[in-house]
Protein backbone atom coordinates (compact mmCIF):
# COMPACT_ATOMS: atom_id res chain seq x y z
CA UNK A 1 12.50 -73.87 -71.88
CA UNK A 2 11.07 -75.50 -68.84
CA UNK A 3 12.01 -78.74 -68.08
CA UNK A 4 8.46 -80.59 -68.73
CA UNK A 5 8.72 -79.39 -71.93
CA UNK A 6 12.07 -80.68 -72.74
CA UNK A 7 10.95 -84.11 -71.48
CA UNK A 8 7.58 -83.73 -73.55
CA UNK A 9 9.55 -82.88 -76.51
CA UNK A 10 11.84 -85.92 -76.22
CA UNK A 11 8.61 -88.01 -75.94
CA UNK A 12 7.02 -86.85 -78.82
CA UNK A 13 10.46 -87.39 -80.82
CA UNK A 14 10.81 -90.92 -79.32
CA UNK A 15 6.87 -92.15 -80.25
CA UNK A 16 7.87 -90.51 -83.56
CA UNK A 17 10.16 -93.35 -84.23
CA UNK A 18 7.60 -95.71 -82.75
CA UNK A 19 5.06 -94.37 -85.58
CA UNK A 20 7.83 -94.47 -88.39
CA UNK A 21 8.47 -97.87 -87.43
CA UNK A 22 4.75 -98.79 -88.17
CA UNK A 23 4.33 -96.66 -91.04
CA UNK A 24 7.42 -98.07 -92.73
CA UNK A 25 6.02 -102.07 -92.09
CA UNK A 26 2.52 -100.89 -92.80
CA UNK A 27 2.70 -101.89 -96.89
CA UNK A 28 4.51 -105.64 -95.88
CA UNK A 29 2.18 -106.05 -92.97
CA UNK A 30 -0.76 -105.82 -94.97
CA UNK A 31 -0.20 -107.98 -98.59
CA UNK A 32 -1.08 -110.99 -96.20
CA UNK A 33 -3.44 -112.00 -93.01
CA UNK A 34 0.14 -114.62 -92.24
CA UNK A 35 2.61 -111.16 -92.42
CA UNK A 36 0.35 -109.50 -90.14
CA UNK A 37 0.10 -111.67 -87.55
CA UNK A 38 3.43 -113.68 -87.51
CA UNK A 39 5.34 -111.81 -89.96
CA UNK A 40 6.02 -114.37 -92.59
CA UNK A 41 8.23 -116.52 -90.38
CA UNK A 42 11.12 -113.94 -90.59
CA UNK A 43 12.75 -113.13 -87.20
CA UNK A 44 16.24 -112.57 -86.32
CA UNK A 45 17.04 -113.95 -83.06
CA UNK A 46 17.79 -110.57 -81.27
CA UNK A 47 14.68 -109.13 -82.65
CA UNK A 48 13.02 -112.31 -81.52
CA UNK A 49 14.58 -112.32 -78.36
CA UNK A 50 14.04 -108.95 -77.15
CA UNK A 51 10.92 -108.74 -78.72
CA UNK A 52 9.64 -111.76 -76.69
CA UNK A 53 10.77 -110.35 -73.35
CA UNK A 54 9.52 -106.38 -73.99
CA UNK A 55 6.19 -107.72 -75.11
CA UNK A 56 6.05 -109.70 -72.42
CA UNK A 57 7.12 -107.30 -69.35
CA UNK A 58 5.83 -104.46 -71.04
CA UNK A 59 5.47 -101.11 -68.45
CA UNK A 60 4.56 -104.00 -65.51
CA UNK A 61 8.28 -104.10 -65.91
CA UNK A 62 8.78 -100.21 -65.21
CA UNK A 63 5.87 -99.81 -62.90
CA UNK A 64 3.83 -102.87 -60.95
CA UNK A 65 7.24 -104.69 -60.29
CA UNK A 66 9.35 -101.73 -58.71
CA UNK A 67 5.87 -100.21 -57.03
CA UNK A 68 5.81 -104.00 -55.58
CA UNK A 69 9.03 -103.86 -54.32
CA UNK A 70 8.43 -100.14 -52.97
CA UNK A 71 5.48 -101.08 -50.76
CA UNK A 72 6.31 -104.48 -49.33
CA UNK A 73 9.96 -104.97 -49.47
CA UNK A 74 12.36 -107.49 -51.09
CA UNK A 75 10.81 -110.62 -51.10
CA UNK A 76 7.33 -110.54 -52.65
CA UNK A 77 9.20 -109.21 -55.53
CA UNK A 78 12.47 -110.54 -55.27
CA UNK A 79 11.00 -114.13 -55.94
CA UNK A 80 8.49 -113.48 -58.54
CA UNK A 81 11.44 -111.97 -60.58
CA UNK A 82 13.59 -115.55 -59.70
CA UNK A 83 10.58 -117.34 -60.74
CA UNK A 84 10.17 -114.92 -64.10
CA UNK A 85 13.49 -115.26 -65.03
CA UNK A 86 13.87 -119.09 -64.55
CA UNK A 87 11.11 -119.72 -66.23
CA UNK A 88 12.43 -117.42 -69.20
CA UNK A 89 15.10 -119.96 -69.46
CA UNK A 90 13.27 -123.09 -69.33
CA UNK A 91 10.91 -121.56 -71.65
CA UNK A 92 13.34 -120.77 -74.79
CA UNK A 93 15.53 -124.46 -73.44
CA UNK A 94 12.61 -127.18 -73.89
CA UNK A 95 10.04 -125.10 -75.43
CA UNK A 96 10.76 -122.80 -78.26
CA UNK A 97 12.76 -124.77 -81.12
CA UNK A 98 10.34 -127.78 -80.81
CA UNK A 99 7.35 -125.64 -80.92
CA UNK A 100 9.05 -123.40 -84.05
CA UNK A 101 9.43 -126.63 -85.74
CA UNK A 102 5.64 -128.82 -84.79
CA UNK A 103 3.89 -125.47 -85.80
CA UNK A 104 5.13 -125.94 -89.06
CA UNK A 105 4.72 -129.23 -89.34
CA UNK A 106 1.12 -128.90 -88.05
CA UNK A 107 -0.16 -127.62 -91.10
CA UNK A 108 1.99 -124.26 -90.99
CA UNK A 109 0.03 -122.78 -87.78
CA UNK A 110 0.34 -118.92 -87.52
CA UNK A 111 -1.83 -118.62 -84.38
CA UNK A 112 -1.48 -120.62 -80.87
CA UNK A 113 -5.17 -122.31 -81.01
CA UNK A 114 -4.37 -123.13 -84.80
CA UNK A 115 -1.42 -125.20 -83.40
CA UNK A 116 -3.69 -126.91 -81.11
CA UNK A 117 -6.00 -127.81 -83.37
CA UNK A 118 -4.05 -128.80 -86.34
CA UNK A 119 -1.71 -130.84 -83.58
CA UNK A 120 -4.84 -133.11 -82.52
CA UNK A 121 -6.42 -132.30 -86.49
CA UNK A 122 -9.70 -131.49 -85.37
CA UNK A 123 -12.54 -131.86 -87.60
CA UNK A 124 -14.53 -129.81 -85.14
CA UNK A 125 -12.73 -127.45 -84.31
CA UNK A 126 -13.68 -127.22 -80.44
CA UNK A 127 -10.06 -126.95 -79.14
CA UNK A 128 -9.81 -123.51 -81.83
CA UNK A 129 -12.96 -122.30 -79.86
CA UNK A 130 -11.90 -123.20 -76.39
CA UNK A 131 -8.57 -121.34 -76.82
CA UNK A 132 -9.99 -118.18 -78.86
CA UNK A 133 -12.33 -117.46 -76.29
CA UNK A 134 -9.73 -117.28 -73.44
CA UNK A 135 -6.88 -115.36 -75.29
CA UNK A 136 -10.02 -113.03 -75.49
CA UNK A 137 -10.89 -112.83 -71.83
CA UNK A 138 -7.45 -112.83 -70.75
CA UNK A 139 -5.91 -110.20 -73.47
CA UNK A 140 -8.66 -108.05 -72.91
CA UNK A 141 -7.28 -107.70 -69.34
CA UNK A 142 -4.06 -107.37 -70.30
CA UNK A 143 -4.66 -104.02 -72.50
CA UNK A 144 -6.35 -103.02 -69.96
CA UNK A 145 -3.32 -103.30 -67.18
CA UNK A 146 -1.31 -101.19 -70.60
CA UNK A 147 -4.00 -98.13 -70.76
CA UNK A 148 -3.67 -98.17 -66.80
CA UNK A 149 0.10 -97.54 -67.25
CA UNK A 150 -0.16 -94.44 -69.70
CA UNK A 151 -2.81 -92.97 -67.47
CA UNK A 152 -0.70 -93.24 -64.36
CA UNK A 153 2.40 -92.17 -66.10
CA UNK A 154 0.60 -89.23 -67.35
CA UNK A 155 -1.17 -88.44 -64.69
CA UNK A 156 2.29 -88.11 -62.56
CA UNK A 157 3.85 -86.64 -64.91
CA UNK A 158 2.06 -83.14 -65.90
CA UNK A 159 -0.88 -83.42 -63.65
CA UNK A 160 -3.42 -84.16 -66.23
CA UNK A 161 -6.67 -86.72 -65.60
CA UNK A 162 -6.07 -89.76 -65.44
CA UNK A 163 -9.19 -90.97 -67.36
CA UNK A 164 -8.43 -89.16 -70.45
CA UNK A 165 -4.92 -89.78 -70.59
CA UNK A 166 -5.57 -93.94 -70.37
CA UNK A 167 -8.02 -93.02 -73.23
CA UNK A 168 -6.02 -90.98 -76.03
CA UNK A 169 -3.29 -93.83 -75.01
CA UNK A 170 -6.18 -96.49 -76.09
CA UNK A 171 -6.62 -94.24 -79.04
CA UNK A 172 -2.87 -94.15 -79.65
CA UNK A 173 -3.02 -98.19 -79.87
CA UNK A 174 -5.83 -98.74 -81.75
CA UNK A 175 -4.25 -96.40 -84.75
CA UNK A 176 -0.67 -98.21 -84.69
CA UNK A 177 -2.43 -101.51 -84.29
CA UNK A 178 -4.31 -101.02 -87.44
CA UNK A 179 -0.96 -100.15 -89.09
CA UNK A 180 2.02 -102.35 -88.91
CA UNK A 181 1.00 -105.23 -87.42
CA UNK A 182 3.19 -108.45 -85.76
CA UNK A 183 6.37 -107.24 -88.10
CA UNK A 184 6.04 -103.35 -86.46
CA UNK A 185 5.20 -104.47 -82.99
CA UNK A 186 8.51 -106.64 -83.11
CA UNK A 187 11.09 -104.47 -84.48
CA UNK A 188 9.34 -101.70 -82.22
CA UNK A 189 9.73 -103.84 -78.97
CA UNK A 190 13.53 -104.45 -79.69
CA UNK A 191 13.80 -100.85 -79.97
CA UNK A 192 11.86 -101.13 -76.38
CA UNK A 193 13.76 -103.66 -75.23
CA UNK A 194 16.93 -101.63 -75.48
CA UNK A 195 15.37 -98.95 -73.89
CA UNK A 196 13.70 -100.25 -71.05
CA UNK A 197 17.68 -102.03 -69.73
CA UNK A 198 19.11 -98.79 -69.90
CA UNK A 199 16.85 -97.18 -68.37
CA UNK A 200 16.65 -99.35 -65.45
CA UNK A 201 20.36 -99.72 -65.37
CA UNK A 202 21.22 -95.68 -64.98
CA UNK A 203 18.32 -95.51 -62.34
CA UNK A 204 19.86 -98.18 -60.14
CA UNK A 205 23.08 -96.17 -60.78
CA UNK A 206 22.13 -92.35 -59.93
CA UNK A 207 19.42 -93.76 -57.60
CA UNK A 208 22.53 -95.77 -55.16
CA UNK A 209 24.46 -92.90 -55.62
CA UNK A 210 21.93 -90.17 -54.86
CA UNK A 211 21.20 -92.21 -51.93
CA UNK A 212 24.66 -92.60 -50.76
CA UNK A 213 26.27 -95.61 -51.67
CA UNK A 214 24.88 -99.19 -51.51
CA UNK A 215 25.49 -99.24 -47.39
CA UNK A 216 23.55 -96.71 -47.28
CA UNK A 217 20.79 -97.82 -48.89
CA UNK A 218 20.54 -101.49 -47.23
CA UNK A 219 21.05 -99.99 -43.85
CA UNK A 220 17.89 -97.65 -45.05
CA UNK A 221 16.02 -100.74 -45.64
CA UNK A 222 16.85 -102.96 -42.93
CA UNK A 223 15.67 -100.35 -40.95
CA UNK A 224 11.85 -101.24 -41.68
CA UNK A 225 10.74 -104.20 -40.47
CA UNK A 226 10.21 -107.09 -42.88
CA UNK A 227 11.03 -104.74 -45.60
CA UNK A 228 14.87 -106.63 -46.61
CA UNK A 229 14.33 -109.86 -45.87
CA UNK A 230 13.74 -113.29 -48.25
CA UNK A 231 11.51 -115.12 -45.59
CA UNK A 232 9.77 -112.04 -43.97
CA UNK A 233 7.29 -109.23 -45.62
CA UNK A 234 6.86 -105.39 -44.28
CA UNK A 235 3.49 -104.24 -43.54
CA UNK A 236 2.59 -100.45 -44.20
CA UNK A 237 0.27 -98.96 -41.17
CA UNK A 238 -2.44 -98.09 -43.52
CA UNK A 239 -6.32 -96.10 -42.73
CA UNK A 240 -8.37 -96.56 -46.13
CA UNK A 241 -5.39 -97.89 -48.45
CA UNK A 242 -2.81 -94.69 -47.27
CA UNK A 243 0.61 -95.28 -45.11
CA UNK A 244 0.73 -93.17 -42.21
CA UNK A 245 3.50 -91.12 -41.21
CA UNK A 246 4.94 -90.21 -38.44
CA UNK A 247 5.17 -87.37 -36.39
CA UNK A 248 8.05 -85.90 -38.36
CA UNK A 249 6.91 -87.46 -41.67
CA UNK A 250 8.35 -90.44 -41.58
CA UNK A 251 6.01 -93.77 -43.37
CA UNK A 252 4.88 -96.04 -40.63
CA UNK A 253 5.34 -99.52 -40.91
CA UNK A 254 3.81 -102.65 -38.72
CA UNK A 255 5.22 -105.97 -37.21
CA UNK A 256 6.75 -108.02 -39.94
CA UNK A 257 5.17 -111.23 -41.33
CA UNK A 258 6.29 -114.26 -42.40
CA UNK A 259 6.92 -115.03 -46.18
CA UNK A 260 7.05 -118.91 -45.68
CA UNK A 261 7.93 -121.82 -47.89
CA UNK A 262 4.80 -122.21 -49.69
CA UNK A 263 4.19 -118.36 -50.49
CA UNK A 264 8.11 -118.55 -51.98
CA UNK A 265 6.90 -121.50 -54.09
CA UNK A 266 3.72 -119.89 -54.86
CA UNK A 267 5.38 -116.53 -56.17
CA UNK A 268 7.86 -118.79 -57.91
CA UNK A 269 5.36 -119.65 -59.54
CA UNK A 270 5.06 -117.19 -61.90
CA UNK A 271 7.68 -118.62 -64.33
CA UNK A 272 5.16 -121.10 -64.79
CA UNK A 273 2.91 -118.59 -66.68
CA UNK A 274 5.79 -118.53 -69.55
CA UNK A 275 4.98 -122.03 -71.27
CA UNK A 276 1.31 -120.77 -71.78
CA UNK A 277 1.22 -116.86 -72.75
CA UNK A 278 0.58 -116.55 -76.11
CA UNK A 279 2.72 -113.08 -77.10
CA UNK A 280 6.59 -115.35 -76.13
CA UNK A 281 5.29 -118.59 -78.13
CA UNK A 282 4.07 -116.38 -81.08
CA UNK A 283 8.15 -115.44 -81.00
CA UNK A 284 9.04 -118.91 -81.03
CA UNK A 285 7.06 -120.09 -83.79
CA UNK A 286 8.04 -116.70 -85.91
CA UNK A 287 11.55 -117.14 -85.60
CA UNK A 288 13.27 -117.27 -88.82
CA UNK A 289 15.45 -120.78 -88.67
CA UNK A 290 15.42 -123.06 -85.04
CA UNK A 291 18.95 -123.44 -85.49
CA UNK A 292 18.74 -119.65 -84.11
CA UNK A 293 16.72 -120.30 -81.35
CA UNK A 294 19.98 -121.12 -78.65
CA UNK A 295 21.57 -117.88 -79.47
CA UNK A 296 17.98 -116.10 -78.97
CA UNK A 297 17.67 -117.87 -75.45
CA UNK A 298 20.96 -116.19 -74.25
CA UNK A 299 20.35 -112.96 -75.45
CA UNK A 300 16.30 -113.25 -73.73
CA UNK A 301 18.17 -115.03 -70.79
CA UNK A 302 20.41 -111.95 -70.09
CA UNK A 303 18.22 -109.03 -71.05
CA UNK A 304 15.40 -110.78 -68.26
CA UNK A 305 17.88 -110.99 -65.37
CA UNK A 306 19.67 -107.62 -65.91
CA UNK A 307 16.11 -106.01 -66.08
CA UNK A 308 14.34 -107.84 -63.68
CA UNK A 309 16.83 -106.97 -60.48
CA UNK A 310 17.36 -103.45 -61.94
CA UNK A 311 14.14 -102.89 -61.18
CA UNK A 312 13.33 -104.65 -57.86
CA UNK A 313 16.65 -102.60 -56.73
CA UNK A 314 14.90 -99.62 -57.76
CA UNK A 315 12.06 -100.19 -55.60
CA UNK A 316 14.28 -100.78 -52.79
CA UNK A 317 16.49 -97.65 -53.68
CA UNK A 318 13.04 -95.84 -54.10
CA UNK A 319 11.77 -95.94 -50.41
CA UNK A 320 15.18 -94.92 -49.18
CA UNK A 321 15.26 -92.08 -51.00
CA UNK A 322 11.49 -91.14 -51.19
CA UNK A 323 10.49 -92.59 -48.07
CA UNK A 324 6.81 -90.80 -47.95
CA UNK A 325 6.45 -89.60 -51.39
CA UNK A 326 3.68 -92.43 -52.67
CA UNK A 327 1.88 -93.51 -50.02
CA UNK A 328 -0.71 -96.01 -51.65
CA UNK A 329 -0.12 -99.01 -53.42
CA UNK A 330 -1.57 -98.06 -56.50
CA UNK A 331 0.57 -94.81 -56.10
CA UNK A 332 3.82 -96.60 -55.25
CA UNK A 333 4.44 -97.80 -59.05
CA UNK A 334 5.35 -94.37 -59.76
CA UNK A 335 8.74 -94.70 -57.97
CA UNK A 336 10.50 -95.41 -61.81
CA UNK A 337 8.84 -91.78 -63.06
CA UNK A 338 9.54 -89.86 -59.89
CA UNK A 339 12.85 -91.51 -59.46
CA UNK A 340 13.50 -90.84 -63.87
CA UNK A 341 12.25 -87.22 -63.30
CA UNK A 342 14.49 -86.50 -60.11
CA UNK A 343 17.70 -88.04 -60.98
CA UNK A 344 17.56 -87.21 -65.18
CA UNK A 345 18.19 -84.73 -67.39
CA UNK A 346 14.97 -83.50 -68.55
CA UNK A 347 15.55 -85.08 -72.11
CA UNK A 348 17.23 -88.34 -70.83
CA UNK A 349 13.81 -88.31 -68.30
CA UNK A 350 11.97 -87.55 -71.18
CA UNK A 351 12.74 -90.26 -73.12
CA UNK A 352 12.63 -92.85 -70.08
CA UNK A 353 9.19 -91.86 -69.92
CA UNK A 354 8.65 -92.99 -73.46
CA UNK A 355 10.64 -95.89 -72.91
CA UNK A 356 7.33 -96.84 -70.67
CA UNK A 357 5.00 -95.44 -73.27
CA UNK A 358 6.46 -96.88 -75.96
CA UNK A 359 6.70 -100.39 -74.09
CA UNK A 360 3.31 -100.51 -73.13
CA UNK A 361 1.55 -99.28 -76.13
CA UNK A 362 3.88 -101.40 -78.07
CA UNK A 363 2.64 -104.79 -75.35
CA UNK A 364 -1.15 -103.76 -75.89
CA UNK A 365 -0.66 -103.88 -79.16
CA UNK A 366 0.85 -107.07 -79.12
CA UNK A 367 -1.88 -108.28 -76.92
CA UNK A 368 -4.69 -106.35 -79.18
CA UNK A 369 -3.31 -108.36 -82.37
CA UNK A 370 -3.62 -111.53 -81.28
CA UNK A 371 -6.60 -111.59 -79.55
CA UNK A 372 -7.91 -109.99 -83.13
CA UNK A 373 -6.14 -113.14 -84.55
CA UNK A 374 -8.30 -115.47 -81.98
CA UNK A 375 -11.57 -113.82 -83.32
CA UNK A 376 -10.60 -112.93 -87.05
CA UNK A 377 -8.44 -116.03 -88.11
CA UNK A 378 -9.42 -119.17 -85.97
CA UNK A 379 -13.28 -118.30 -84.73
CA UNK A 380 -14.33 -116.33 -88.20
CA UNK A 381 -11.83 -118.70 -90.70
CA UNK A 382 -11.35 -121.42 -88.64
CA UNK A 383 -14.83 -121.83 -87.57
CA UNK A 384 -17.88 -119.77 -88.47
CA UNK A 385 -16.63 -119.02 -92.46
CA UNK A 386 -14.14 -121.21 -93.59
CA UNK A 387 -13.99 -119.99 -97.14
CA UNK A 388 -13.42 -116.30 -95.61
CA UNK A 389 -11.22 -114.57 -97.79
CA UNK A 390 -7.90 -112.75 -96.68
CA UNK A 391 -9.84 -109.10 -96.94
CA UNK A 392 -12.61 -110.27 -94.49
CA UNK A 393 -10.60 -111.82 -92.18
CA UNK A 394 -8.16 -108.27 -91.89
CA UNK A 395 -11.60 -106.83 -91.61
CA UNK A 396 -12.82 -108.74 -88.94
CA UNK A 397 -9.64 -108.38 -86.90
CA UNK A 398 -10.34 -104.70 -86.96
CA UNK A 399 -13.71 -104.86 -85.44
CA UNK A 400 -12.40 -106.83 -83.13
CA UNK A 401 -9.61 -104.44 -82.11
CA UNK A 402 -11.91 -101.94 -81.78
CA UNK A 403 -14.46 -104.01 -79.64
CA UNK A 404 -11.72 -105.25 -77.08
CA UNK A 405 -9.71 -102.21 -76.57
CA UNK A 406 -13.54 -100.55 -75.46
CA UNK A 407 -13.49 -103.19 -72.66
CA UNK A 408 -10.18 -102.83 -72.01
CA UNK A 409 -10.80 -98.92 -71.76
CA UNK A 410 -13.88 -99.56 -69.18
CA UNK A 411 -11.41 -102.27 -67.04
CA UNK A 412 -9.04 -99.57 -66.68
CA UNK A 413 -11.23 -96.90 -65.81
CA UNK A 414 -10.80 -97.03 -61.81
CA UNK A 415 -7.36 -94.71 -61.25
CA UNK A 416 -6.72 -96.79 -58.12
CA UNK A 417 -5.90 -99.91 -59.99
CA UNK A 418 -2.78 -101.43 -59.42
CA UNK A 419 -0.78 -102.91 -62.59
CA UNK A 420 0.73 -105.90 -61.03
CA UNK A 421 -2.25 -107.14 -59.40
CA UNK A 422 -4.33 -106.62 -63.27
CA UNK A 423 -1.59 -108.41 -65.08
CA UNK A 424 -1.08 -111.53 -62.34
CA UNK A 425 -4.61 -112.54 -63.05
CA UNK A 426 -4.12 -112.45 -66.85
CA UNK A 427 -0.44 -114.32 -66.79
CA UNK A 428 -2.89 -116.91 -64.55
CA UNK A 429 -4.51 -116.87 -66.64
CA UNK A 430 -2.80 -118.50 -69.48
CA UNK A 431 -0.40 -120.09 -68.09
CA UNK A 432 -2.69 -121.94 -66.53
CA UNK A 433 -5.34 -122.68 -69.69
CA UNK A 434 -2.20 -123.16 -72.02
CA UNK A 435 1.17 -123.39 -70.32
CA UNK A 436 0.01 -127.78 -69.47
CA UNK A 437 -1.40 -128.53 -72.80
CA UNK A 438 0.95 -127.08 -74.40
CA UNK A 439 4.01 -128.84 -72.70
CA UNK A 440 1.59 -132.01 -72.98
CA UNK A 441 1.15 -131.63 -76.91
CA UNK A 442 5.12 -131.00 -77.32
CA UNK A 443 5.96 -133.73 -75.08
CA UNK A 444 3.97 -136.58 -74.25
CA UNK A 445 2.50 -138.45 -77.45
CA UNK A 446 -0.25 -140.24 -75.74
CA UNK A 447 -2.02 -136.70 -74.94
CA UNK A 448 -5.82 -137.09 -76.62
CA UNK A 449 -7.67 -134.09 -77.73
CA UNK A 450 -10.18 -134.75 -75.29
CA UNK A 451 -7.38 -134.51 -72.40
CA UNK A 452 -6.66 -131.32 -73.87
CA UNK A 453 -9.91 -129.49 -74.30
CA UNK A 454 -9.81 -131.28 -70.15
CA UNK A 455 -6.71 -129.49 -69.43
CA UNK A 456 -7.40 -126.55 -70.62
CA UNK A 457 -11.27 -126.14 -69.32
CA UNK A 458 -9.91 -126.89 -65.70
CA UNK A 459 -7.06 -124.61 -66.25
CA UNK A 460 -8.97 -121.73 -67.25
CA UNK A 461 -11.59 -122.13 -64.66
CA UNK A 462 -9.85 -122.91 -61.74
CA UNK A 463 -7.72 -119.34 -62.28
CA UNK A 464 -11.50 -117.64 -61.54
CA UNK A 465 -12.73 -120.05 -58.78
CA UNK A 466 -9.31 -119.54 -56.81
CA UNK A 467 -8.58 -115.86 -57.15
CA UNK A 468 -12.54 -115.19 -56.25
CA UNK A 469 -13.47 -117.55 -54.00
CA UNK A 470 -10.54 -119.86 -52.63
CA UNK A 471 -8.12 -117.27 -52.16
CA UNK A 472 -9.88 -114.95 -50.21
CA UNK A 473 -9.65 -117.53 -47.51
CA UNK A 474 -6.51 -116.42 -46.48
CA UNK A 475 -3.84 -119.34 -44.70
CA UNK A 476 -2.91 -121.87 -47.14
CA UNK A 477 -5.71 -120.87 -49.49
CA UNK A 478 -3.91 -117.67 -50.35
CA UNK A 479 -1.74 -118.26 -52.68
CA UNK A 480 -1.11 -117.49 -56.42
CA UNK A 481 -4.04 -118.74 -58.41
CA UNK A 482 -1.38 -120.05 -61.00
CA UNK A 483 0.17 -122.55 -58.85
CA UNK A 484 -3.13 -124.64 -58.04
CA UNK A 485 -4.95 -124.13 -61.12
CA UNK A 486 -1.39 -125.43 -63.61
CA UNK A 487 -1.10 -128.37 -61.52
CA UNK A 488 -5.30 -129.59 -61.71
CA UNK A 489 -4.79 -128.61 -65.59
CA UNK A 490 -1.71 -131.27 -65.53
CA UNK A 491 -4.00 -133.55 -63.65
CA UNK A 492 -7.00 -133.35 -65.94
CA UNK A 493 -4.57 -133.58 -69.13
CA UNK A 494 -3.65 -137.24 -68.08
CA UNK A 495 -6.44 -138.72 -66.02
CA UNK A 496 -8.73 -137.44 -69.49
CA UNK A 497 -6.37 -138.54 -72.09
CA UNK A 498 -5.79 -142.69 -70.33
CA UNK A 499 -9.12 -142.97 -70.61
CA UNK A 500 -10.02 -141.85 -73.81
CA UNK A 501 -9.15 -143.44 -77.08
CA UNK A 502 -5.24 -142.72 -77.62
CA UNK A 503 -4.49 -140.39 -80.65
CA UNK A 504 -4.30 -141.58 -84.84
CA UNK A 505 -1.17 -143.03 -86.40
CA UNK A 506 -0.99 -139.87 -88.11
CA UNK A 507 -0.82 -137.61 -85.09
CA UNK A 508 1.82 -140.25 -83.74
CA UNK A 509 3.51 -139.95 -86.86
CA UNK A 510 3.93 -136.23 -87.03
CA UNK A 511 4.50 -136.36 -83.41
CA UNK A 512 7.69 -137.90 -84.07
CA UNK A 513 8.72 -135.83 -87.06
CA UNK A 514 8.66 -132.56 -85.11
CA UNK A 515 10.34 -134.66 -82.28
CA UNK A 516 13.21 -135.43 -84.90
CA UNK A 517 13.64 -131.65 -86.38
């Protein structure tokens, strides 16, 4: 039996297990919308921690981040990893317990828009509407990044047409999401988290060995200008997006460019995104007991640190082993696939590939599920038809799933899409729209409904303005859009809250109760 056949068999077995999880939880998930969207607040610390990180990282960790390290060298990827590791720890430390308790106290909210609306005792559900619309926009982009990952995976492995494979992955996601809801994707994400960290660690060890040891890897990457520097960045010599090669086939690089302090701070601001990403915040709301959060924090942070830094080093090792195999930035995101195929036995390589596929599918399932809840639970039942039955809510959620998947597929049709860039935009959107108001709602009693609206609109809109119009100017304006949008959102919340009437005694009393619990 050929290597490709063995890899295919192991991938099919792995995916069958993932589908089995969906089928197992299908009955419980479809009992009511609370079980479907938040699992009845029943997650233990291991599942909460691992599913939060796996659904957040997804195929981006296995393809996007190693691709950045392979293409640009250490600095950009490493500062991103440091920012994300710090963000993970701080988010679990200061947000998790307070949000778990406050979301329960504030009308037993089961979605992030629910929590914001209940927190400010809205009669006219304007906060809920704004939050839901931004969730739909940015999660559609997130889902598209997952479809790109699936398309690239099968295109790299089997040479099958990218668009066909991407659409097939999207169809699989829809079926899987219909089946099991939040519990299924949380439990399967737990399994994904274990597979991802094992696969990353194995590829690092095998890659270092194949390259002739750690010293050989370091010596090689140091020979590339700016490649192994914290405050410099390499510049591949490209023509029409393709890196050029020398007389003996070696990849060509120009002079290293500086990687200044402002760029470092900008890149580390990826960590700010954690305060606003619904797929992580939802795990905080769904954890079984607040007392289990400390254990979950340790698990999540350990997993995150090991996985992030392994992903970065895979990119560096890959440039040593396969210096001229991947000559476009888009193709560079296949370095994990290339190393897995060449360094692992076929059956194990198949499981590693299935890990990418399953993590991507399960993550896109999470994104679609939250977006569907924003439409069905928050907009349809919360605003349009308040007496809607649970059956109607579930029906609307499934129609929404199909609609968002179609839009995500259209976004993902371009096979030259760079996963890292697609994810970074959506991540900035969530971080700037929801991060500041999440922190202020939990920790500043004086925050008002007007401040919340101003903060969300300022953050969300500024991500688009900065990315499309200001960032292209370059120089000091070339920073990651999350940082300026996050800061401006904070300023808007403070100013508008101070000039509007202070919250009612009911809101302040509830704030104090959440603080004490």
